[in-house]
Amino acid sequence: MLLTALAVAVTPTFVQVAAPPPAQAATRLAAPLKNDTYVLSSYYGPRCMPVRGSSTYHLGQDFGAASGTDVRAVAAGKVTRAGAIRGFGQWVVIDHVVDGVKFSSLYAHLIDGDRRVKAGQKVKKGQHIGDVGSTGTSTSPHLHLEIWRGGYGSGKAVDPLRFLRKRGVDLTTRSIRNYPRSVPSSCTYYTAAKVSFRTGPGTGYSKIRTIQANLKLTAEPGAGSGEWRQVTRKGRTGWIHRDYVSPSYTSHGTRYVLPSSLNLRSGPSASNKVRVRLPHDARLTLLRDGYRNGVWQRVRYGSKNGWVSARHIALDRDGAQIVPDRTGKTFAWVDPKTLNMRKGRSASTDRVLKLRRDERVRQLGRVSNGWVKVRHDGRTGYVSAVYLRSRR
């Protein structure tokens, strides 16, 4: 039998599939400031504290601008916060939903947060919502802008420059100037006052030791947790509250040199090396007061730090070394072994009383020609202010 193969033609069936619609472009947002009215300064990310009490991780973008410059909403939304707030000074926070994306925009350091808008108010994209200021923790007029994906506080802060660039707003091309975007390898800080150095970020952690004012600290950019800063002092790493960490020396008062010249020494002793000879009337910044019962004080002169004998510096150019106590009364203590209280403002006048070291006197008038009127043990007279000190 001969088998014949039959070819059967089968006509294929085609199903018409609709082409996907073109991708819809993201809604274009608005710039928070007009073109050519700002400079880009501090960027999003880890940083060194620019001022005392500031953060070590910048959650936003800073725009340096003239005070009073219009601040505008980056998108339509609803104001959730407006007015005063610690740290930011005056602020506005707006919730938005754009292309299904929920986010919040935060505008800080304004002149008056609730002058242009109120909490609960709806705003349009590009609406004037505030004015550039320098309120709160700020060194000069600028706008601090934060973008929170998912909502302020509950979501996550993202880089405002990148977020807005993806939505049609390149802020780097609209500015007058862009400062370099770089992160230092290390930060240098100083203790702002005598403070506890702890093992963790809170007062519940044990104290490593107490650190005196204006001593050098180092830290990594971004190191910190909430209100605490992780720092290193002489090879030991610990934690200090942010209010006591400063990027610069903190003045504890002004003093003036009394003699024709005075040695600024490397340590609190006459045996320490002389760093520089200070002229009469030289103005000193007090870095630490009352070392060893006030005999030596740590000061800064120009760019040099050192120690000077407390008996040779004064609160003012007339030689006052006297400060008010907590009651508002003004007292001082005798520094030398003995000190004559006299009837007049001269060593040639009669002696009223012989004062001894560490006895307290009350100031009764202003210092004049180096002499001050005082009272002690019911007696009144005059003493040379150079021989008085402000602390016992």
Protein backbone atom coordinates (compact mmCIF):
# COMPACT_ATOMS: atom_id res chain seq x y z
CA MET A 1 0.00 0.00 0.00
CA LEU A 2 1.26 3.36 -0.89
CA LEU A 3 0.81 5.90 1.84
CA THR A 4 0.47 9.47 0.67
CA ALA A 5 1.21 12.33 3.06
CA LEU A 6 -1.34 15.07 2.74
CA ALA A 7 -0.25 18.61 3.49
CA VAL A 8 -2.95 20.55 5.31
CA ALA A 9 -2.66 24.31 5.21
CA VAL A 10 -3.60 25.95 8.49
CA THR A 11 -4.28 29.66 8.49
CA PRO A 12 -2.93 31.27 11.73
CA THR A 13 -5.25 33.48 13.80
CA PHE A 14 -3.86 36.92 14.81
CA VAL A 15 -5.02 38.72 17.99
CA GLN A 16 -4.84 42.51 17.88
CA VAL A 17 -3.11 43.80 21.06
CA ALA A 18 -3.41 47.50 21.87
CA ALA A 19 -0.09 49.36 22.18
CA PRO A 20 0.67 50.67 25.73
CA PRO A 21 0.01 54.38 26.18
CA PRO A 22 3.09 56.60 26.23
CA ALA A 23 4.61 57.07 29.69
CA GLN A 24 3.17 60.14 31.33
CA ALA A 25 5.76 62.72 32.30
CA ALA A 26 6.04 63.50 35.98
CA THR A 27 4.27 66.67 37.03
CA ARG A 28 6.69 69.55 37.04
CA LEU A 29 7.19 71.15 40.46
CA ALA A 30 8.14 74.73 41.29
CA ALA A 31 11.39 76.22 42.60
CA PRO A 32 11.24 77.47 46.21
CA LEU A 33 13.05 80.71 45.24
CA LYS A 34 13.16 82.78 42.06
CA ASN A 35 16.08 82.35 39.68
CA ASP A 36 19.29 84.23 40.48
CA THR A 37 18.20 85.13 44.02
CA TYR A 38 20.16 82.50 45.98
CA VAL A 39 23.39 80.54 46.37
CA LEU A 40 23.51 76.83 47.20
CA SER A 41 25.51 76.33 50.39
CA SER A 42 25.10 73.48 52.88
CA TYR A 43 23.96 70.30 51.14
CA TYR A 44 21.97 67.24 52.20
CA GLY A 45 24.03 64.60 54.00
CA PRO A 46 26.65 64.21 56.75
CA ARG A 47 28.53 67.33 57.80
CA CYS A 48 30.38 69.06 60.62
CA MET A 49 28.26 71.22 62.92
CA PRO A 50 28.35 74.73 61.42
CA VAL A 51 27.16 76.37 64.67
CA ARG A 52 26.65 75.30 68.25
CA GLY A 53 23.53 73.18 68.69
CA SER A 54 23.12 72.36 65.00
CA SER A 55 22.83 68.91 63.43
CA THR A 56 25.67 66.75 62.13
CA TYR A 57 23.51 65.22 59.38
CA HIS A 58 21.87 67.84 57.20
CA LEU A 59 18.39 66.67 56.26
CA GLY A 60 17.83 69.48 53.79
CA GLN A 61 19.34 71.99 51.41
CA ASP A 62 20.35 75.54 52.33
CA PHE A 63 19.82 78.51 50.02
CA GLY A 64 21.68 81.66 51.02
CA ALA A 65 19.52 84.64 50.07
CA ALA A 66 18.77 88.20 51.09
CA SER A 67 16.49 88.64 54.07
CA GLY A 68 12.90 89.06 52.92
CA THR A 69 13.29 87.09 49.65
CA ASP A 70 10.02 85.41 48.63
CA VAL A 71 9.74 81.71 49.51
CA ARG A 72 7.32 79.71 47.35
CA ALA A 73 5.56 76.35 47.69
CA VAL A 74 7.13 73.68 45.46
CA ALA A 75 3.69 72.12 44.84
CA ALA A 76 0.03 72.52 45.71
CA GLY A 77 -0.91 71.11 49.09
CA LYS A 78 -2.12 71.72 52.62
CA VAL A 79 -0.19 73.57 55.31
CA THR A 80 0.24 71.38 58.41
CA ARG A 81 2.58 73.59 60.46
CA ALA A 82 3.30 77.32 60.48
CA GLY A 83 4.90 79.49 63.13
CA ALA A 84 7.64 79.14 65.73
CA ILE A 85 9.67 75.98 66.38
CA ARG A 86 12.88 75.36 68.31
CA GLY A 87 15.98 75.16 66.16
CA PHE A 88 14.29 76.16 62.90
CA GLY A 89 13.07 79.41 64.41
CA GLN A 90 10.06 80.06 62.15
CA TRP A 91 8.84 77.47 59.67
CA VAL A 92 6.13 76.20 57.29
CA VAL A 93 5.41 72.54 56.50
CA ILE A 94 3.14 71.53 53.59
CA ASP A 95 1.75 68.09 52.72
CA HIS A 96 1.43 67.21 49.01
CA VAL A 97 0.26 64.38 46.78
CA VAL A 98 1.71 64.62 43.27
CA ASP A 99 1.31 61.83 40.68
CA GLY A 100 0.28 59.52 43.51
CA VAL A 101 3.40 60.32 45.51
CA LYS A 102 2.86 61.67 49.02
CA PHE A 103 5.53 63.99 50.31
CA SER A 104 6.03 66.99 52.58
CA SER A 105 8.07 70.12 52.02
CA LEU A 106 9.57 72.04 54.95
CA TYR A 107 10.73 75.67 54.82
CA ALA A 108 12.74 76.92 57.83
CA HIS A 109 14.43 80.02 59.32
CA LEU A 110 11.69 82.26 57.91
CA ILE A 111 11.05 85.76 59.23
CA ASP A 112 7.53 84.88 60.37
CA GLY A 113 6.20 81.37 59.75
CA ASP A 114 2.49 82.15 59.99
CA ARG A 115 2.46 85.59 58.39
CA ARG A 116 1.72 84.39 54.85
CA VAL A 117 -0.08 81.12 55.57
CA LYS A 118 -1.80 79.33 58.46
CA ALA A 119 -1.97 75.67 59.48
CA GLY A 120 -4.88 73.99 57.68
CA GLN A 121 -4.75 76.34 54.70
CA LYS A 122 -4.56 75.01 51.13
CA VAL A 123 -1.91 76.54 48.89
CA LYS A 124 -1.14 76.50 45.18
CA LYS A 125 2.10 75.55 43.47
CA GLY A 126 4.41 78.57 43.43
CA GLN A 127 2.39 80.48 46.03
CA HIS A 128 4.26 82.97 48.23
CA ILE A 129 4.24 81.23 51.63
CA GLY A 130 7.04 82.97 53.56
CA ASP A 131 10.10 85.18 53.54
CA VAL A 132 13.77 84.26 53.92
CA GLY A 133 15.06 85.06 57.41
CA SER A 134 17.69 84.02 59.94
CA THR A 135 15.58 82.82 62.87
CA GLY A 136 16.50 79.86 65.07
CA THR A 137 19.92 78.22 64.81
CA SER A 138 21.26 80.30 61.95
CA THR A 139 24.27 82.47 61.21
CA SER A 140 22.88 84.45 58.25
CA PRO A 141 19.68 84.78 56.19
CA HIS A 142 18.91 81.60 54.29
CA LEU A 143 16.17 79.13 53.44
CA HIS A 144 16.49 75.60 54.75
CA LEU A 145 14.38 73.26 52.56
CA GLU A 146 13.58 69.65 53.41
CA ILE A 147 11.66 67.10 51.35
CA TRP A 148 10.10 64.11 53.14
CA ARG A 149 8.89 61.22 51.02
CA GLY A 150 5.84 59.74 52.75
CA GLY A 151 5.25 62.77 54.98
CA TYR A 152 7.19 64.85 57.49
CA GLY A 153 8.21 62.88 60.57
CA SER A 154 6.64 59.60 59.44
CA GLY A 155 8.45 59.24 56.13
CA LYS A 156 12.05 59.66 55.08
CA ALA A 157 13.98 62.82 54.31
CA VAL A 158 15.51 62.80 50.82
CA ASP A 159 17.91 65.06 48.94
CA PRO A 160 15.84 68.08 47.82
CA LEU A 161 18.10 68.79 44.82
CA ARG A 162 17.69 65.29 43.38
CA PHE A 163 13.98 65.11 44.20
CA LEU A 164 13.20 68.38 42.43
CA ARG A 165 15.55 67.69 39.50
CA LYS A 166 13.57 64.53 38.68
CA ARG A 167 10.48 66.72 38.57
CA GLY A 168 11.80 69.33 36.21
CA VAL A 169 13.50 71.79 38.57
CA ASP A 170 17.30 71.89 38.43
CA LEU A 171 18.19 74.29 41.23
CA THR A 172 21.92 74.17 40.44
CA THR A 173 21.38 76.00 37.13
CA ARG A 174 19.12 78.69 38.62
CA SER A 175 21.48 79.88 41.35
CA ILE A 176 23.93 82.75 41.47
CA ARG A 177 26.62 80.45 42.83
CA ASN A 178 27.06 76.85 44.00
CA TYR A 179 29.48 76.18 46.83
CA PRO A 180 31.51 72.95 46.45
CA ARG A 181 29.68 69.85 47.60
CA SER A 182 32.19 67.98 49.75
CA VAL A 183 32.32 66.23 53.12
CA PRO A 184 35.44 66.70 55.32
CA SER A 185 37.23 63.64 56.62
CA SER A 186 37.04 64.87 60.23
CA CYS A 187 35.43 67.60 62.33
CA THR A 188 37.05 69.74 65.02
CA TYR A 189 34.92 70.98 67.91
CA TYR A 190 35.41 72.54 71.36
CA THR A 191 33.55 72.12 74.62
CA ALA A 192 31.40 75.20 75.19
CA ALA A 193 31.44 74.81 79.00
CA LYS A 194 32.46 72.40 81.72
CA VAL A 195 30.54 69.25 80.79
CA SER A 196 30.15 65.52 81.45
CA PHE A 197 31.71 63.14 78.92
CA ARG A 198 29.50 60.01 78.83
CA THR A 199 29.58 56.45 77.49
CA GLY A 200 26.31 56.89 75.56
CA PRO A 201 23.84 59.44 74.19
CA GLY A 202 21.94 60.30 77.37
CA THR A 203 22.26 61.30 81.01
CA GLY A 204 21.43 57.72 81.99
CA TYR A 205 24.80 56.56 80.71
CA SER A 206 27.80 56.56 83.02
CA LYS A 207 30.21 59.48 83.06
CA ILE A 208 33.68 58.86 81.70
CA ARG A 209 34.99 62.11 83.17
CA THR A 210 34.31 65.82 83.32
CA ILE A 211 35.81 67.96 80.56
CA GLN A 212 36.63 71.63 81.07
CA ALA A 213 35.50 74.44 78.78
CA ASN A 214 37.15 75.13 75.41
CA LEU A 215 39.03 71.86 75.07
CA LYS A 216 39.50 70.34 71.62
CA LEU A 217 37.31 67.46 70.40
CA THR A 218 37.27 65.54 67.13
CA ALA A 219 34.43 63.69 65.43
CA GLU A 220 33.36 62.07 62.18
CA PRO A 221 30.92 64.04 60.01
CA GLY A 222 27.38 62.94 60.81
CA ALA A 223 28.32 61.31 64.14
CA GLY A 224 25.51 61.83 66.62
CA SER A 225 22.10 60.70 67.81
CA GLY A 226 19.27 63.15 68.41
CA GLU A 227 20.50 65.83 70.79
CA TRP A 228 23.81 64.08 71.52
CA ARG A 229 27.12 64.17 69.67
CA GLN A 230 29.68 61.39 69.50
CA VAL A 231 33.13 62.90 69.91
CA THR A 232 36.69 61.89 70.74
CA ARG A 233 38.92 63.48 73.37
CA LYS A 234 42.52 62.31 73.74
CA GLY A 235 41.82 58.96 72.09
CA ARG A 236 38.67 58.22 74.09
CA THR A 237 35.31 58.29 72.29
CA GLY A 238 32.16 59.27 74.14
CA TRP A 239 29.07 61.45 74.04
CA ILE A 240 28.31 65.09 74.89
CA HIS A 241 25.02 66.96 74.61
CA ARG A 242 24.93 69.11 71.47
CA ASP A 243 24.42 72.33 73.48
CA TYR A 244 27.96 71.94 74.86
CA VAL A 245 29.70 71.21 71.55
CA SER A 246 30.84 74.15 69.44
CA PRO A 247 32.81 74.47 66.19
CA SER A 248 34.70 77.43 67.69
CA TYR A 249 35.96 78.68 71.03
CA THR A 250 33.32 80.01 73.43
CA SER A 251 34.02 83.29 75.23
CA HIS A 252 33.47 83.29 78.98
CA GLY A 253 34.12 86.99 79.25
CA THR A 254 36.66 89.68 78.39
CA ARG A 255 39.73 90.61 80.42
CA TYR A 256 42.41 93.30 80.07
CA VAL A 257 46.11 93.23 80.87
CA LEU A 258 47.03 95.56 83.76
CA PRO A 259 50.88 95.72 83.84
CA SER A 260 53.08 97.11 81.06
CA SER A 261 53.64 93.53 79.85
CA LEU A 262 52.40 90.08 80.85
CA ASN A 263 53.54 86.60 79.89
CA LEU A 264 51.07 84.33 78.12
CA ARG A 265 52.25 80.87 79.14
CA SER A 266 51.64 77.36 77.81
CA GLY A 267 50.32 76.15 81.18
CA PRO A 268 49.01 77.37 84.57
CA SER A 269 52.40 77.91 86.14
CA ALA A 270 55.23 80.43 86.04
CA SER A 271 57.52 77.56 85.04
CA ASN A 272 55.66 76.96 81.76
CA LYS A 273 56.97 78.26 78.44
CA VAL A 274 56.18 81.85 77.45
CA ARG A 275 54.19 81.89 74.21
CA VAL A 276 53.98 85.65 73.79
CA ARG A 277 54.37 88.82 75.85
CA LEU A 278 51.10 90.70 76.14
CA PRO A 279 51.11 94.50 76.12
CA HIS A 280 49.32 96.71 78.63
CA ASP A 281 45.58 96.97 77.97
CA ALA A 282 45.61 93.94 75.64
CA ARG A 283 42.11 92.54 75.30
CA LEU A 284 41.84 88.85 76.18
CA THR A 285 39.03 86.34 75.66
CA LEU A 286 38.48 84.26 78.79
CA LEU A 287 38.36 80.55 77.93
CA ARG A 288 38.27 79.17 81.48
CA ASP A 289 37.74 80.93 84.79
CA GLY A 290 38.95 80.09 88.28
CA TYR A 291 41.72 77.54 87.80
CA ARG A 292 43.32 76.67 91.15
CA ASN A 293 41.19 79.11 93.15
CA GLY A 294 41.45 81.76 90.46
CA VAL A 295 45.24 82.07 90.53
CA TRP A 296 45.53 81.25 86.80
CA GLN A 297 43.10 81.79 83.96
CA ARG A 298 43.09 80.34 80.44
CA VAL A 299 42.69 83.01 77.78
CA ARG A 300 42.93 83.60 74.03
CA TYR A 301 44.84 86.49 72.49
CA GLY A 302 44.51 86.77 68.72
CA SER A 303 45.13 83.25 67.45
CA LYS A 304 47.06 82.10 70.53
CA ASN A 305 45.73 80.32 73.62
CA GLY A 306 47.53 80.24 76.94
CA TRP A 307 47.49 80.98 80.66
CA VAL A 308 47.98 84.22 82.56
CA SER A 309 48.19 85.12 86.23
CA ALA A 310 44.72 86.22 87.36
CA ARG A 311 46.07 89.03 89.54
CA HIS A 312 47.41 90.81 86.47
CA ILE A 313 44.20 90.96 84.42
CA ALA A 314 40.97 92.86 85.01
CA LEU A 315 37.34 93.04 83.94
CA ASP A 316 37.81 96.48 82.44
CA ARG A 317 40.57 98.89 81.62
CA ASP A 318 40.25 100.59 85.02
CA GLY A 319 41.36 97.42 86.78
CA ALA A 320 38.05 96.01 88.03
CA GLN A 321 38.19 92.35 88.92
CA ILE A 322 34.80 92.29 90.58
CA VAL A 323 31.58 90.59 89.40
CA PRO A 324 28.05 90.44 90.85
CA ASP A 325 27.06 87.30 92.75
CA ARG A 326 23.68 85.54 92.40
CA THR A 327 21.94 88.01 94.72
CA GLY A 328 22.88 90.93 92.50
CA LYS A 329 25.34 92.30 95.04
CA THR A 330 28.91 92.83 93.91
CA PHE A 331 31.66 91.06 95.82
CA ALA A 332 35.34 90.30 95.42
CA TRP A 333 38.03 88.50 97.38
CA VAL A 334 41.43 89.67 98.56
CA ASP A 335 44.21 88.06 96.55
CA PRO A 336 47.51 88.92 98.34
CA LYS A 337 48.43 87.84 101.86
CA THR A 338 47.47 91.30 103.18
CA LEU A 339 45.84 94.34 101.61
CA ASN A 340 45.38 97.82 103.07
CA MET A 341 41.93 99.42 102.95
CA ARG A 342 42.53 103.20 102.87
CA LYS A 343 40.52 106.37 103.40
CA GLY A 344 41.08 107.62 99.86
CA ARG A 345 42.06 106.53 96.37
CA SER A 346 45.77 106.67 97.09
CA ALA A 347 48.40 104.68 98.94
CA SER A 348 49.36 107.88 100.75
CA THR A 349 46.03 108.13 102.58
CA ASP A 350 45.51 106.66 106.04
CA ARG A 351 44.85 102.96 106.46
CA VAL A 352 41.35 102.06 107.63
CA LEU A 353 41.79 98.32 107.90
CA LYS A 354 44.24 95.56 107.02
CA LEU A 355 42.50 92.87 104.91
CA ARG A 356 43.80 89.34 104.65
CA ARG A 357 43.86 86.83 101.80
CA ASP A 358 40.47 85.34 100.84
CA GLU A 359 38.48 87.87 102.89
CA ARG A 360 35.40 89.08 101.00
CA VAL A 361 34.62 92.74 100.37
CA ARG A 362 31.55 94.36 98.85
CA GLN A 363 31.98 96.87 96.04
CA LEU A 364 30.28 100.22 96.73
CA GLY A 365 31.18 102.15 93.60
CA ARG A 366 32.85 102.01 90.20
CA VAL A 367 36.56 101.56 89.75
CA SER A 368 38.36 104.85 89.18
CA ASN A 369 42.06 105.20 88.52
CA GLY A 370 42.54 101.62 89.66
CA TRP A 371 40.85 102.14 93.05
CA VAL A 372 37.43 100.97 94.20
CA LYS A 373 35.32 101.79 97.27
CA VAL A 374 34.49 98.70 99.35
CA ARG A 375 32.93 97.61 102.64
CA HIS A 376 34.16 94.90 104.98
CA ASP A 377 33.15 94.07 108.53
CA GLY A 378 31.20 97.31 108.82
CA ARG A 379 34.15 99.45 107.70
CA THR A 380 34.31 101.42 104.45
CA GLY A 381 37.35 102.47 102.46
CA TYR A 382 39.29 102.14 99.22
CA VAL A 383 41.49 99.35 97.88
CA SER A 384 43.54 98.86 94.73
CA ALA A 385 41.31 96.77 92.40
CA VAL A 386 44.28 94.92 90.96
CA TYR A 387 44.59 93.02 94.27
CA LEU A 388 41.00 91.75 94.17
CA ARG A 389 39.72 88.71 92.31
CA SER A 390 36.23 87.69 91.21
CA ARG A 391 36.25 84.19 92.74
CA ARG A 392 37.41 82.79 96.04
